[in-house]
Amino acid sequence: MKKHTYLAAALALLLALCALAGCGAKETPAPAGQDASPAEQNAAASGEETSKVADASQMTTVEDVGAEGQTPVPAAELVDGVYETAVDCSSSMFKIERCELTVADGAMTAKLTMSSTAYGYLFAGTAAEAAAADKPQYIEPVEENGVNTFVLPVDALDAPTACAAWSRNKELWYDRTLVFRSASLPLSAFKNVTTAASLGLADGQYTVSVALGGGSGRASVQSPAKLWIENGAATAEIIWSSANYDYMKVDGVQFDAEIADGHSTFAIPVAAFDRPLGVIADTTAMSQPHEIEYTLTFDAATIAP
């Protein structure tokens, strides 16, 4: 009898220990969003968002766009209207065929015509922000004549604009940086334009500081430059750092170079001061002549006899 009593007690003790330890039981995970802690929910969401963003190894070469020291141009400085605008992009894979800038009621939008239908959405912000955003915040394409167009808000010209692009094929968000160039707009698009006439400059010869923008950054021009005023119109002498430029184009008009002492020299009109003026210079330094887009900015505060 004592033997049976001892066995029964040992069995009861074993069952009690198993119950306390969860012996043989399987743990059931908490349903997502219910019993999971806020920290666990945030970690899961963050992981899902990160998986939708292309990392550096999944991107082609990223280029710097925009020039250091550029002054952003907000909508308040522009006349309402629609303008063809040049735009630089940090990725050669993001091919923009055409950009149409609309300025209205103190705001700007850019209508981008893409060369393909590879992108399903754009987003005004970074790829990480796009992955975390809701679908109504995405910019959907509009098909026009077999190509896709997107309308993107623009805070300022000559300033980096963050843009994320959703790849249909890769199903990832890609970071892009766009710079809409004010130098590609006509002077009539600006509310305030500083000219030789508005400065009241008398006919004669002056000097003025000039800054070169664009290109590869290897070329330069002499500064200060000579400046002539005649009948209220300004002409500047532009002397390049090499003799490899055979002509320049300003507002579609071609000006040929004078080559001397290892420099290409041009006399070109100066339509305005204190803002980038778009010019084209043709270089013969490559295997074939090649036109390169530059900007010249003449600083009115430095004009001196």
C-alpha atoms as a PDB file:
ATOM      1  CA  MET A   1       0.000   0.000   0.000  1.00  0.00           C
ATOM      2  CA  LYS A   2       2.786   2.384   0.848  1.00  0.00           C
ATOM      3  CA  LYS A   3       4.363   1.618  -2.525  1.00  0.00           C
ATOM      4  CA  HIS A   4       1.199   2.666  -4.409  1.00  0.00           C
ATOM      5  CA  THR A   5       0.917   5.788  -2.285  1.00  0.00           C
ATOM      6  CA  TYR A   6       4.500   6.809  -3.099  1.00  0.00           C
ATOM      7  CA  LEU A   7       3.903   6.226  -6.846  1.00  0.00           C
ATOM      8  CA  ALA A   8       0.712   8.280  -6.855  1.00  0.00           C
ATOM      9  CA  ALA A   9       2.445  11.145  -5.059  1.00  0.00           C
ATOM     10  CA  ALA A  10       5.406  11.079  -7.473  1.00  0.00           C
ATOM     11  CA  LEU A  11       3.054  11.077 -10.494  1.00  0.00           C
ATOM     12  CA  ALA A  12       1.094  14.044  -9.105  1.00  0.00           C
ATOM     13  CA  LEU A  13       4.331  15.933  -8.484  1.00  0.00           C
ATOM     14  CA  LEU A  14       5.534  15.256 -12.054  1.00  0.00           C
ATOM     15  CA  LEU A  15       2.258  16.456 -13.572  1.00  0.00           C
ATOM     16  CA  ALA A  16       2.421  19.632 -11.488  1.00  0.00           C
ATOM     17  CA  LEU A  17       5.972  20.361 -12.637  1.00  0.00           C
ATOM     18  CA  CYS A  18       5.028  19.838 -16.304  1.00  0.00           C
ATOM     19  CA  ALA A  19       2.099  22.210 -15.951  1.00  0.00           C
ATOM     20  CA  LEU A  20       4.324  24.893 -14.455  1.00  0.00           C
ATOM     21  CA  ALA A  21       7.007  24.505 -17.153  1.00  0.00           C
ATOM     22  CA  GLY A  22       4.588  24.247 -20.082  1.00  0.00           C
ATOM     23  CA  CYS A  23       5.896  20.760 -20.782  1.00  0.00           C
ATOM     24  CA  GLY A  24       5.099  19.662 -24.359  1.00  0.00           C
ATOM     25  CA  ALA A  25       3.123  22.840 -25.141  1.00  0.00           C
ATOM     26  CA  LYS A  26       3.789  24.998 -28.207  1.00  0.00           C
ATOM     27  CA  GLU A  27       3.823  28.792 -27.902  1.00  0.00           C
ATOM     28  CA  THR A  28       1.319  30.511 -30.198  1.00  0.00           C
ATOM     29  CA  PRO A  29       2.659  33.844 -31.561  1.00  0.00           C
ATOM     30  CA  ALA A  30       0.535  36.889 -30.961  1.00  0.00           C
ATOM     31  CA  PRO A  31      -1.391  38.024 -34.047  1.00  0.00           C
ATOM     32  CA  ALA A  32       0.298  40.966 -35.758  1.00  0.00           C
ATOM     33  CA  GLY A  33      -1.015  44.253 -34.483  1.00  0.00           C
ATOM     34  CA  GLN A  34      -2.774  42.726 -31.472  1.00  0.00           C
ATOM     35  CA  ASP A  35      -0.632  41.455 -28.590  1.00  0.00           C
ATOM     36  CA  ALA A  36       2.707  42.621 -30.110  1.00  0.00           C
ATOM     37  CA  SER A  37       4.272  45.526 -28.259  1.00  0.00           C
ATOM     38  CA  PRO A  38       4.425  48.968 -29.959  1.00  0.00           C
ATOM     39  CA  ALA A  39       8.203  48.556 -30.303  1.00  0.00           C
ATOM     40  CA  GLU A  40       7.733  45.195 -32.069  1.00  0.00           C
ATOM     41  CA  GLN A  41       5.057  46.639 -34.368  1.00  0.00           C
ATOM     42  CA  ASN A  42       7.286  49.591 -35.287  1.00  0.00           C
ATOM     43  CA  ALA A  43      10.244  47.311 -35.976  1.00  0.00           C
ATOM     44  CA  ALA A  44       8.139  45.127 -38.275  1.00  0.00           C
ATOM     45  CA  ALA A  45       6.792  48.162 -40.160  1.00  0.00           C
ATOM     46  CA  SER A  46      10.266  49.654 -40.473  1.00  0.00           C
ATOM     47  CA  GLY A  47      11.633  46.414 -41.882  1.00  0.00           C
ATOM     48  CA  GLU A  48       8.860  46.242 -44.462  1.00  0.00           C
ATOM     49  CA  GLU A  49       9.433  49.857 -45.518  1.00  0.00           C
ATOM     50  CA  THR A  50      13.201  49.401 -45.785  1.00  0.00           C
ATOM     51  CA  SER A  51      12.722  46.382 -48.031  1.00  0.00           C
ATOM     52  CA  LYS A  52      10.940  48.610 -50.546  1.00  0.00           C
ATOM     53  CA  VAL A  53      13.855  51.054 -50.880  1.00  0.00           C
ATOM     54  CA  ALA A  54      16.716  50.460 -53.329  1.00  0.00           C
ATOM     55  CA  ASP A  55      20.108  50.484 -51.619  1.00  0.00           C
ATOM     56  CA  ALA A  56      23.403  51.713 -53.049  1.00  0.00           C
ATOM     57  CA  SER A  57      24.235  48.342 -54.604  1.00  0.00           C
ATOM     58  CA  GLN A  58      20.980  48.392 -56.564  1.00  0.00           C
ATOM     59  CA  MET A  59      21.526  51.855 -58.031  1.00  0.00           C
ATOM     60  CA  THR A  60      23.605  53.039 -60.957  1.00  0.00           C
ATOM     61  CA  THR A  61      26.146  55.835 -60.544  1.00  0.00           C
ATOM     62  CA  VAL A  62      24.677  58.766 -58.636  1.00  0.00           C
ATOM     63  CA  GLU A  63      25.827  62.186 -59.840  1.00  0.00           C
ATOM     64  CA  ASP A  64      25.880  65.454 -57.949  1.00  0.00           C
ATOM     65  CA  VAL A  65      23.515  68.003 -59.450  1.00  0.00           C
ATOM     66  CA  GLY A  66      23.303  71.715 -58.824  1.00  0.00           C
ATOM     67  CA  ALA A  67      26.157  74.086 -58.147  1.00  0.00           C
ATOM     68  CA  GLU A  68      27.374  75.047 -54.707  1.00  0.00           C
ATOM     69  CA  GLY A  69      26.406  78.575 -53.782  1.00  0.00           C
ATOM     70  CA  GLN A  70      23.472  78.813 -56.161  1.00  0.00           C
ATOM     71  CA  THR A  71      20.663  81.053 -54.994  1.00  0.00           C
ATOM     72  CA  PRO A  72      17.263  79.297 -54.985  1.00  0.00           C
ATOM     73  CA  VAL A  73      14.575  80.997 -57.054  1.00  0.00           C
ATOM     74  CA  PRO A  74      11.078  80.682 -55.499  1.00  0.00           C
ATOM     75  CA  ALA A  75       7.784  81.144 -57.311  1.00  0.00           C
ATOM     76  CA  ALA A  76       7.423  84.629 -55.791  1.00  0.00           C
ATOM     77  CA  GLU A  77      10.226  85.866 -58.083  1.00  0.00           C
ATOM     78  CA  LEU A  78       8.559  84.598 -61.260  1.00  0.00           C
ATOM     79  CA  VAL A  79       5.750  85.794 -63.480  1.00  0.00           C
ATOM     80  CA  ASP A  80       2.798  83.403 -63.683  1.00  0.00           C
ATOM     81  CA  GLY A  81       2.999  81.318 -66.840  1.00  0.00           C
ATOM     82  CA  VAL A  82       4.102  78.059 -68.428  1.00  0.00           C
ATOM     83  CA  TYR A  83       7.764  77.657 -69.393  1.00  0.00           C
ATOM     84  CA  GLU A  84       9.921  75.022 -71.022  1.00  0.00           C
ATOM     85  CA  THR A  85      12.565  74.309 -68.412  1.00  0.00           C
ATOM     86  CA  ALA A  86      15.827  72.373 -68.331  1.00  0.00           C
ATOM     87  CA  VAL A  87      16.206  69.922 -65.462  1.00  0.00           C
ATOM     88  CA  ASP A  88      19.245  68.040 -64.164  1.00  0.00           C
ATOM     89  CA  CYS A  89      18.879  64.628 -62.530  1.00  0.00           C
ATOM     90  CA  SER A  90      21.220  62.659 -60.276  1.00  0.00           C
ATOM     91  CA  SER A  91      20.569  59.445 -62.250  1.00  0.00           C
ATOM     92  CA  SER A  92      21.045  58.821 -65.954  1.00  0.00           C
ATOM     93  CA  MET A  93      18.414  56.075 -65.689  1.00  0.00           C
ATOM     94  CA  PHE A  94      15.714  58.646 -64.939  1.00  0.00           C
ATOM     95  CA  LYS A  95      15.309  59.989 -68.465  1.00  0.00           C
ATOM     96  CA  ILE A  96      13.215  63.142 -68.766  1.00  0.00           C
ATOM     97  CA  GLU A  97      12.356  64.019 -72.355  1.00  0.00           C
ATOM     98  CA  ARG A  98      10.668  67.305 -71.561  1.00  0.00           C
ATOM     99  CA  CYS A  99       9.896  69.489 -68.583  1.00  0.00           C
ATOM    100  CA  GLU A 100       7.135  72.087 -68.489  1.00  0.00           C
ATOM    101  CA  LEU A 101       7.130  74.443 -65.505  1.00  0.00           C
ATOM    102  CA  THR A 102       3.862  76.054 -64.450  1.00  0.00           C
ATOM    103  CA  VAL A 103       3.936  79.092 -62.148  1.00  0.00           C
ATOM    104  CA  ALA A 104       0.573  80.119 -60.706  1.00  0.00           C
ATOM    105  CA  ASP A 105      -0.663  81.752 -57.516  1.00  0.00           C
ATOM    106  CA  GLY A 106       2.689  81.627 -55.752  1.00  0.00           C
ATOM    107  CA  ALA A 107       3.351  77.945 -56.427  1.00  0.00           C
ATOM    108  CA  MET A 108       5.199  75.895 -59.037  1.00  0.00           C
ATOM    109  CA  THR A 109       4.691  72.457 -60.569  1.00  0.00           C
ATOM    110  CA  ALA A 110       6.792  70.616 -63.121  1.00  0.00           C
ATOM    111  CA  LYS A 111       5.196  68.336 -65.708  1.00  0.00           C
ATOM    112  CA  LEU A 112       7.803  65.681 -66.491  1.00  0.00           C
ATOM    113  CA  THR A 113       7.486  63.741 -69.730  1.00  0.00           C
ATOM    114  CA  MET A 114       9.369  60.462 -69.333  1.00  0.00           C
ATOM    115  CA  SER A 115      11.055  58.470 -72.085  1.00  0.00           C
ATOM    116  CA  SER A 116       9.539  55.179 -70.874  1.00  0.00           C
ATOM    117  CA  THR A 117       6.790  53.664 -68.749  1.00  0.00           C
ATOM    118  CA  ALA A 118       9.255  52.027 -66.342  1.00  0.00           C
ATOM    119  CA  TYR A 119       8.069  54.066 -63.354  1.00  0.00           C
ATOM    120  CA  GLY A 120       4.676  53.404 -61.812  1.00  0.00           C
ATOM    121  CA  TYR A 121       4.673  56.313 -59.357  1.00  0.00           C
ATOM    122  CA  LEU A 122       6.659  59.335 -58.262  1.00  0.00           C
ATOM    123  CA  PHE A 123       6.740  60.807 -54.776  1.00  0.00           C
ATOM    124  CA  ALA A 124       7.679  64.297 -53.641  1.00  0.00           C
ATOM    125  CA  GLY A 125      10.328  63.303 -51.126  1.00  0.00           C
ATOM    126  CA  THR A 126      12.881  60.600 -50.425  1.00  0.00           C
ATOM    127  CA  ALA A 127      12.521  56.888 -51.164  1.00  0.00           C
ATOM    128  CA  ALA A 128      12.303  56.121 -47.446  1.00  0.00           C
ATOM    129  CA  GLU A 129       9.499  58.672 -47.048  1.00  0.00           C
ATOM    130  CA  ALA A 130       7.710  57.195 -50.057  1.00  0.00           C
ATOM    131  CA  ALA A 131       7.905  53.668 -48.634  1.00  0.00           C
ATOM    132  CA  ALA A 132       6.339  54.902 -45.388  1.00  0.00           C
ATOM    133  CA  ALA A 133       3.628  56.969 -47.116  1.00  0.00           C
ATOM    134  CA  ASP A 134       0.093  55.982 -48.049  1.00  0.00           C
ATOM    135  CA  LYS A 135      -0.784  55.368 -51.689  1.00  0.00           C
ATOM    136  CA  PRO A 136      -2.955  58.531 -52.020  1.00  0.00           C
ATOM    137  CA  GLN A 137       0.272  60.528 -51.559  1.00  0.00           C
ATOM    138  CA  TYR A 138       1.861  58.929 -54.631  1.00  0.00           C
ATOM    139  CA  ILE A 139       1.956  60.839 -57.923  1.00  0.00           C
ATOM    140  CA  GLU A 140       0.342  58.632 -60.564  1.00  0.00           C
ATOM    141  CA  PRO A 141       1.300  58.860 -64.249  1.00  0.00           C
ATOM    142  CA  VAL A 142      -0.923  60.236 -66.963  1.00  0.00           C
ATOM    143  CA  GLU A 143      -0.467  58.698 -70.396  1.00  0.00           C
ATOM    144  CA  GLU A 144      -0.129  61.191 -73.243  1.00  0.00           C
ATOM    145  CA  ASN A 145       0.673  60.053 -76.782  1.00  0.00           C
ATOM    146  CA  GLY A 146       2.108  56.769 -75.595  1.00  0.00           C
ATOM    147  CA  VAL A 147       4.388  58.208 -72.890  1.00  0.00           C
ATOM    148  CA  ASN A 148       3.911  58.859 -69.193  1.00  0.00           C
ATOM    149  CA  THR A 149       3.822  62.304 -67.608  1.00  0.00           C
ATOM    150  CA  PHE A 150       4.016  63.156 -63.904  1.00  0.00           C
ATOM    151  CA  VAL A 151       3.226  66.489 -62.236  1.00  0.00           C
ATOM    152  CA  LEU A 152       5.650  67.182 -59.386  1.00  0.00           C
ATOM    153  CA  PRO A 153       5.526  70.135 -56.952  1.00  0.00           C
ATOM    154  CA  VAL A 154       8.611  72.387 -57.049  1.00  0.00           C
ATOM    155  CA  ASP A 155       9.593  74.576 -54.102  1.00  0.00           C
ATOM    156  CA  ALA A 156      12.363  76.495 -55.888  1.00  0.00           C
ATOM    157  CA  LEU A 157      14.496  76.555 -58.997  1.00  0.00           C
ATOM    158  CA  ASP A 158      18.293  76.142 -58.736  1.00  0.00           C
ATOM    159  CA  ALA A 159      17.805  74.047 -55.594  1.00  0.00           C
ATOM    160  CA  PRO A 160      17.841  70.266 -55.026  1.00  0.00           C
ATOM    161  CA  THR A 161      14.373  68.727 -55.218  1.00  0.00           C
ATOM    162  CA  ALA A 162      13.999  65.267 -53.669  1.00  0.00           C
ATOM    163  CA  CYS A 163      11.993  62.852 -55.816  1.00  0.00           C
ATOM    164  CA  ALA A 164      11.400  59.120 -55.348  1.00  0.00           C
ATOM    165  CA  ALA A 165      10.550  56.878 -58.310  1.00  0.00           C
ATOM    166  CA  TRP A 166       8.805  53.489 -58.048  1.00  0.00           C
ATOM    167  CA  SER A 167      10.233  50.931 -60.482  1.00  0.00           C
ATOM    168  CA  ARG A 168       7.562  48.644 -61.916  1.00  0.00           C
ATOM    169  CA  ASN A 169      10.154  45.988 -62.743  1.00  0.00           C
ATOM    170  CA  LYS A 170      12.176  46.011 -59.507  1.00  0.00           C
ATOM    171  CA  GLU A 171       9.236  46.952 -57.246  1.00  0.00           C
ATOM    172  CA  LEU A 172      11.495  49.316 -55.338  1.00  0.00           C
ATOM    173  CA  TRP A 173      11.608  53.028 -54.575  1.00  0.00           C
ATOM    174  CA  TYR A 174      14.673  54.825 -55.980  1.00  0.00           C
ATOM    175  CA  ASP A 175      16.034  58.148 -54.715  1.00  0.00           C
ATOM    176  CA  ARG A 176      16.418  60.868 -57.331  1.00  0.00           C
ATOM    177  CA  THR A 177      17.523  64.493 -56.978  1.00  0.00           C
ATOM    178  CA  LEU A 178      16.272  67.033 -59.520  1.00  0.00           C
ATOM    179  CA  VAL A 179      17.422  70.616 -60.112  1.00  0.00           C
ATOM    180  CA  PHE A 180      15.233  72.834 -62.276  1.00  0.00           C
ATOM    181  CA  ARG A 181      17.462  75.450 -63.898  1.00  0.00           C
ATOM    182  CA  SER A 182      16.385  79.084 -63.820  1.00  0.00           C
ATOM    183  CA  ALA A 183      18.922  79.940 -66.543  1.00  0.00           C
ATOM    184  CA  SER A 184      16.760  78.035 -69.050  1.00  0.00           C
ATOM    185  CA  LEU A 185      13.829  80.440 -68.536  1.00  0.00           C
ATOM    186  CA  PRO A 186      13.448  83.600 -70.630  1.00  0.00           C
ATOM    187  CA  LEU A 187      14.197  86.869 -68.835  1.00  0.00           C
ATOM    188  CA  SER A 188      10.535  87.777 -69.254  1.00  0.00           C
ATOM    189  CA  ALA A 189       9.734  85.033 -66.715  1.00  0.00           C
ATOM    190  CA  PHE A 190      11.361  87.046 -63.903  1.00  0.00           C
ATOM    191  CA  LYS A 191       9.628  89.880 -62.089  1.00  0.00           C
ATOM    192  CA  ASN A 192      12.817  91.825 -61.382  1.00  0.00           C
ATOM    193  CA  VAL A 193      15.673  91.892 -63.881  1.00  0.00           C
ATOM    194  CA  THR A 194      18.793  93.974 -63.317  1.00  0.00           C
ATOM    195  CA  THR A 195      20.092  95.409 -66.596  1.00  0.00           C
ATOM    196  CA  ALA A 196      22.648  98.029 -67.612  1.00  0.00           C
ATOM    197  CA  ALA A 197      19.765 100.439 -68.202  1.00  0.00           C
ATOM    198  CA  SER A 198      18.151  99.800 -64.803  1.00  0.00           C
ATOM    199  CA  LEU A 199      21.537 100.366 -63.156  1.00  0.00           C
ATOM    200  CA  GLY A 200      21.862 103.686 -64.975  1.00  0.00           C
ATOM    201  CA  LEU A 201      25.320 102.857 -66.301  1.00  0.00           C
ATOM    202  CA  ALA A 202      26.745 105.520 -68.582  1.00  0.00           C
ATOM    203  CA  ASP A 203      28.406 104.544 -71.838  1.00  0.00           C
ATOM    204  CA  GLY A 204      32.015 103.548 -71.273  1.00  0.00           C
ATOM    205  CA  GLN A 205      34.311 100.736 -70.207  1.00  0.00           C
ATOM    206  CA  TYR A 206      34.069  98.910 -66.855  1.00  0.00           C
ATOM    207  CA  THR A 207      35.083  95.673 -65.167  1.00  0.00           C
ATOM    208  CA  VAL A 208      32.745  93.153 -63.551  1.00  0.00           C
ATOM    209  CA  SER A 209      33.166  89.888 -61.639  1.00  0.00           C
ATOM    210  CA  VAL A 210      31.841  86.875 -63.528  1.00  0.00           C
ATOM    211  CA  ALA A 211      31.223  83.327 -62.278  1.00  0.00           C
ATOM    212  CA  LEU A 212      31.106  80.280 -64.548  1.00  0.00           C
ATOM    213  CA  GLY A 213      28.744  77.401 -63.825  1.00  0.00           C
ATOM    214  CA  GLY A 214      27.977  74.084 -65.492  1.00  0.00           C
ATOM    215  CA  GLY A 215      30.181  71.834 -67.551  1.00  0.00           C
ATOM    216  CA  SER A 216      32.641  69.428 -65.936  1.00  0.00           C
ATOM    217  CA  GLY A 217      34.136  72.049 -63.622  1.00  0.00           C
ATOM    218  CA  ARG A 218      37.563  71.875 -65.276  1.00  0.00           C
ATOM    219  CA  ALA A 219      37.135  75.012 -67.414  1.00  0.00           C
ATOM    220  CA  SER A 220      37.203  78.566 -66.093  1.00  0.00           C
ATOM    221  CA  VAL A 221      36.928  82.146 -67.317  1.00  0.00           C
ATOM    222  CA  GLN A 222      38.920  85.182 -66.269  1.00  0.00           C
ATOM    223  CA  SER A 223      37.346  87.391 -63.628  1.00  0.00           C
ATOM    224  CA  PRO A 224      36.908  90.301 -63.446  1.00  0.00           C
ATOM    225  CA  ALA A 225      35.991  90.687 -67.100  1.00  0.00           C
ATOM    226  CA  LYS A 226      35.959  93.786 -69.261  1.00  0.00           C
ATOM    227  CA  LEU A 227      32.503  95.291 -69.701  1.00  0.00           C
ATOM    228  CA  TRP A 228      31.422  97.855 -72.303  1.00  0.00           C
ATOM    229  CA  ILE A 229      28.245  99.900 -72.120  1.00  0.00           C
ATOM    230  CA  GLU A 230      26.958 101.454 -75.334  1.00  0.00           C
ATOM    231  CA  ASN A 231      23.500 102.982 -75.732  1.00  0.00           C
ATOM    232  CA  GLY A 232      22.345 101.216 -72.572  1.00  0.00           C
ATOM    233  CA  ALA A 233      23.449  97.762 -73.790  1.00  0.00           C
ATOM    234  CA  ALA A 234      26.199  95.729 -72.100  1.00  0.00           C
ATOM    235  CA  THR A 235      28.891  93.594 -73.748  1.00  0.00           C
ATOM    236  CA  ALA A 236      31.426  91.500 -71.835  1.00  0.00           C
ATOM    237  CA  GLU A 237      34.783  90.068 -72.859  1.00  0.00           C
ATOM    238  CA  ILE A 238      34.923  86.395 -71.883  1.00  0.00           C
ATOM    239  CA  ILE A 239      38.414  84.875 -71.814  1.00  0.00           C
ATOM    240  CA  TRP A 240      38.498  81.090 -71.340  1.00  0.00           C
ATOM    241  CA  SER A 241      41.239  79.132 -69.596  1.00  0.00           C
ATOM    242  CA  SER A 242      42.088  77.304 -72.834  1.00  0.00           C
ATOM    243  CA  ALA A 243      42.031  77.817 -76.607  1.00  0.00           C
ATOM    244  CA  ASN A 244      39.697  74.845 -77.147  1.00  0.00           C
ATOM    245  CA  TYR A 245      36.488  76.831 -77.631  1.00  0.00           C
ATOM    246  CA  ASP A 246      35.758  77.882 -81.198  1.00  0.00           C
ATOM    247  CA  TYR A 247      32.310  79.456 -80.760  1.00  0.00           C
ATOM    248  CA  MET A 248      29.690  80.388 -78.174  1.00  0.00           C
ATOM    249  CA  LYS A 249      25.924  80.718 -78.483  1.00  0.00           C
ATOM    250  CA  VAL A 250      23.936  83.272 -76.499  1.00  0.00           C
ATOM    251  CA  ASP A 251      20.151  83.304 -76.937  1.00  0.00           C
ATOM    252  CA  GLY A 252      20.596  81.282 -80.122  1.00  0.00           C
ATOM    253  CA  VAL A 253      23.098  83.720 -81.673  1.00  0.00           C
ATOM    254  CA  GLN A 254      26.575  82.361 -82.457  1.00  0.00           C
ATOM    255  CA  PHE A 255      29.739  84.289 -81.597  1.00  0.00           C
ATOM    256  CA  ASP A 256      33.097  83.148 -82.966  1.00  0.00           C
ATOM    257  CA  ALA A 257      36.274  83.091 -80.926  1.00  0.00           C
ATOM    258  CA  GLU A 258      39.487  85.032 -81.232  1.00  0.00           C
ATOM    259  CA  ILE A 259      42.327  82.653 -80.347  1.00  0.00           C
ATOM    260  CA  ALA A 260      45.438  84.261 -78.827  1.00  0.00           C
ATOM    261  CA  ASP A 261      48.048  83.379 -76.202  1.00  0.00           C
ATOM    262  CA  GLY A 262      46.425  80.015 -75.473  1.00  0.00           C
ATOM    263  CA  HIS A 263      42.968  81.435 -74.754  1.00  0.00           C
ATOM    264  CA  SER A 264      39.615  81.607 -76.551  1.00  0.00           C
ATOM    265  CA  THR A 265      38.167  85.107 -76.260  1.00  0.00           C
ATOM    266  CA  PHE A 266      34.612  86.225 -77.010  1.00  0.00           C
ATOM    267  CA  ALA A 267      32.644  89.455 -76.897  1.00  0.00           C
ATOM    268  CA  ILE A 268      29.069  88.548 -75.895  1.00  0.00           C
ATOM    269  CA  PRO A 269      26.003  90.533 -74.836  1.00  0.00           C
ATOM    270  CA  VAL A 270      25.030  90.681 -71.147  1.00  0.00           C
ATOM    271  CA  ALA A 271      21.248  90.732 -70.962  1.00  0.00           C
ATOM    272  CA  ALA A 272      21.083  90.816 -67.152  1.00  0.00           C
ATOM    273  CA  PHE A 273      23.156  90.922 -63.996  1.00  0.00           C
ATOM    274  CA  ASP A 274      22.885  88.982 -60.724  1.00  0.00           C
ATOM    275  CA  ARG A 275      21.331  85.858 -62.229  1.00  0.00           C
ATOM    276  CA  PRO A 276      22.710  82.869 -64.183  1.00  0.00           C
ATOM    277  CA  LEU A 277      22.592  83.399 -67.941  1.00  0.00           C
ATOM    278  CA  GLY A 278      22.562  80.246 -70.040  1.00  0.00           C
ATOM    279  CA  VAL A 279      25.228  80.006 -72.758  1.00  0.00           C
ATOM    280  CA  ILE A 280      26.638  77.249 -74.965  1.00  0.00           C
ATOM    281  CA  ALA A 281      30.335  76.857 -75.731  1.00  0.00           C
ATOM    282  CA  ASP A 282      31.643  74.480 -78.396  1.00  0.00           C
ATOM    283  CA  THR A 283      34.846  72.671 -77.443  1.00  0.00           C
ATOM    284  CA  THR A 284      37.297  71.066 -79.854  1.00  0.00           C
ATOM    285  CA  ALA A 285      39.221  69.307 -77.072  1.00  0.00           C
ATOM    286  CA  MET A 286      37.301  66.057 -77.559  1.00  0.00           C
ATOM    287  CA  SER A 287      37.565  63.582 -80.430  1.00  0.00           C
ATOM    288  CA  GLN A 288      34.743  65.524 -82.077  1.00  0.00           C
ATOM    289  CA  PRO A 289      33.523  69.090 -81.439  1.00  0.00           C
ATOM    290  CA  HIS A 290      30.992  69.114 -78.633  1.00  0.00           C
ATOM    291  CA  GLU A 291      28.599  71.814 -77.398  1.00  0.00           C
ATOM    292  CA  ILE A 292      28.526  72.216 -73.619  1.00  0.00           C
ATOM    293  CA  GLU A 293      25.959  74.133 -71.587  1.00  0.00           C
ATOM    294  CA  TYR A 294      27.305  76.677 -69.109  1.00  0.00           C
ATOM    295  CA  THR A 295      26.011  79.617 -67.110  1.00  0.00           C
ATOM    296  CA  LEU A 296      27.618  83.019 -66.610  1.00  0.00           C
ATOM    297  CA  THR A 297      26.636  85.214 -63.673  1.00  0.00           C
ATOM    298  CA  PHE A 298      27.729  88.849 -63.677  1.00  0.00           C
ATOM    299  CA  ASP A 299      27.758  90.516 -60.253  1.00  0.00           C
ATOM    300  CA  ALA A 300      26.324  94.028 -60.491  1.00  0.00           C
ATOM    301  CA  ALA A 301      27.811  95.035 -57.121  1.00  0.00           C
ATOM    302  CA  THR A 302      31.327  94.607 -58.541  1.00  0.00           C
ATOM    303  CA  ILE A 303      30.951  96.859 -61.564  1.00  0.00           C
ATOM    304  CA  ALA A 304      33.729  99.438 -61.542  1.00  0.00           C
ATOM    305  CA  PRO A 305      35.075 101.944 -64.076  1.00  0.00           C
END
